[in-house]
Protein backbone atom coordinates (compact mmCIF):
# COMPACT_ATOMS: atom_id res chain seq x y z
CA MET A 1 16.00 -3.18 -93.75
CA LEU A 2 13.71 -6.12 -92.99
CA GLU A 3 16.75 -8.23 -92.12
CA LYS A 4 17.96 -5.60 -89.63
CA THR A 5 14.48 -5.31 -88.12
CA THR A 6 14.24 -9.08 -87.71
CA ARG A 7 17.71 -9.24 -86.13
CA MET A 8 16.89 -6.38 -83.73
CA ASN A 9 13.64 -8.09 -82.75
CA PHE A 10 15.50 -11.29 -81.92
CA LEU A 11 18.24 -9.45 -80.02
CA TYR A 12 15.58 -7.50 -78.14
CA ASP A 13 13.84 -10.76 -77.21
CA PHE A 14 17.06 -12.26 -75.88
CA TYR A 15 18.49 -9.23 -74.09
CA GLN A 16 15.58 -6.97 -73.12
CA ALA A 17 16.06 -7.75 -69.44
CA LEU A 18 19.45 -6.01 -69.64
CA LEU A 19 17.92 -2.74 -70.90
CA THR A 20 16.50 0.17 -68.94
CA PRO A 21 12.72 0.66 -68.94
CA LYS A 22 13.06 3.63 -71.32
CA GLN A 23 15.24 1.65 -73.72
CA ARG A 24 12.74 -1.21 -73.65
CA SER A 25 9.87 1.18 -74.34
CA TYR A 26 11.59 2.91 -77.26
CA MET A 27 12.75 -0.35 -78.84
CA SER A 28 9.38 -2.02 -78.37
CA LEU A 29 7.50 0.88 -79.90
CA TYR A 30 9.95 1.31 -82.77
CA TYR A 31 10.63 -2.30 -83.74
CA LEU A 32 7.63 -4.26 -82.49
CA ASP A 33 4.80 -1.73 -82.80
CA ASP A 34 6.24 0.07 -85.87
CA TYR A 35 5.95 3.57 -84.40
CA SER A 36 7.84 6.35 -86.17
CA LEU A 37 10.49 8.40 -84.38
CA GLY A 38 8.05 11.31 -84.32
CA GLU A 39 5.30 9.23 -82.74
CA ILE A 40 7.64 7.97 -80.03
CA ALA A 41 8.94 11.50 -79.43
CA GLU A 42 5.39 12.75 -79.03
CA GLU A 43 4.50 9.91 -76.68
CA PHE A 44 7.45 10.68 -74.37
CA ASP A 45 7.50 14.45 -74.92
CA VAL A 46 11.09 14.50 -76.20
CA SER A 47 12.72 15.41 -79.52
CA ARG A 48 12.93 13.04 -82.47
CA GLN A 49 16.72 13.31 -82.20
CA ALA A 50 16.62 12.12 -78.59
CA VAL A 51 14.59 9.08 -79.62
CA TYR A 52 16.88 8.38 -82.58
CA ASP A 53 20.01 8.64 -80.40
CA ASN A 54 18.53 6.38 -77.74
CA ILE A 55 17.50 3.73 -80.29
CA LYS A 56 20.91 3.78 -82.02
CA ARG A 57 22.72 3.51 -78.69
CA THR A 58 20.46 0.65 -77.64
CA GLU A 59 21.03 -1.16 -80.94
CA GLN A 60 24.77 -0.94 -80.34
CA MET A 61 24.32 -2.26 -76.80
CA LEU A 62 22.28 -5.22 -78.07
CA GLU A 63 24.99 -6.02 -80.64
CA GLN A 64 27.65 -5.85 -77.91
CA TYR A 65 25.64 -8.19 -75.69
CA GLU A 66 25.36 -10.61 -78.60
CA GLU A 67 29.13 -10.42 -79.28
CA LYS A 68 29.79 -11.47 -75.70
CA LEU A 69 26.94 -13.86 -74.91
CA LEU A 70 26.10 -15.31 -78.36
CA LEU A 71 22.52 -16.24 -77.39
CA PHE A 72 21.10 -15.41 -80.82
CA GLN A 73 23.91 -17.19 -82.66
CA ARG A 74 23.38 -20.33 -80.59
CA PHE A 75 19.64 -20.13 -81.19
CA GLN A 76 20.23 -19.96 -84.96
CA GLU A 77 22.65 -22.89 -84.79
CA ARG A 78 20.11 -24.99 -82.85
CA GLN A 79 17.41 -24.12 -85.36
CA SER A 80 19.70 -25.14 -88.20
CA ILE A 81 20.55 -28.48 -86.56
CA VAL A 82 16.88 -29.22 -85.90
CA GLN A 83 16.08 -28.49 -89.55
CA GLN A 84 18.91 -30.72 -90.72
CA LEU A 85 17.67 -33.51 -88.46
CA LYS A 86 14.18 -33.13 -89.86
CA ASN A 87 15.50 -33.22 -93.42
CA GLU A 88 17.64 -36.30 -92.77
CA LEU A 89 14.96 -38.21 -90.90
CA THR A 90 11.92 -37.34 -92.98
CA GLY A 91 11.37 -40.92 -94.16
CA GLU A 92 12.12 -42.40 -90.77
CA LEU A 93 9.92 -39.96 -88.87
CA GLU A 94 6.84 -41.39 -90.51
CA THR A 95 7.55 -44.75 -88.93
CA ASN A 96 8.97 -43.56 -85.64
CA ASN A 97 6.53 -41.41 -83.69
CA LYS A 98 8.76 -41.25 -80.61
CA LEU A 99 11.62 -39.69 -82.59
CA SER A 100 9.19 -37.24 -84.16
CA SER A 101 7.86 -36.31 -80.74
CA LEU A 102 11.36 -35.74 -79.37
CA LEU A 103 12.26 -33.54 -82.33
CA ASP A 104 9.09 -31.49 -81.84
CA SER A 105 9.94 -31.09 -78.16
CA LEU A 106 13.43 -29.89 -79.04
CA GLU A 107 11.96 -27.29 -81.40
CA LYS A 108 9.60 -25.98 -78.75
CA LEU A 109 12.44 -25.29 -76.34
CA ASP A 110 13.36 -22.19 -78.34
């Protein structure tokens, strides 16, 4: 469950601009603020089922956006490459501050 929550949080970060205000609100409350379906339903004066359906539909939309745009996949690949660079250059980084600075800058881009 934690893995799904983490993935949804990342997908939400990348694609939230493509969602409606209601979808953003439901997803933010559910995944970021850890509200229950009942709490969200009460907040918006709708049924728990309506909230559940909206969240499930939005999750599917986020996955479809990712299938087409691959922003999260590319982010993960960049993170992996940066980590590999750090691992390979650990000894050299101590003597080369410029390289270390460039690597830190690359990390901060994400």
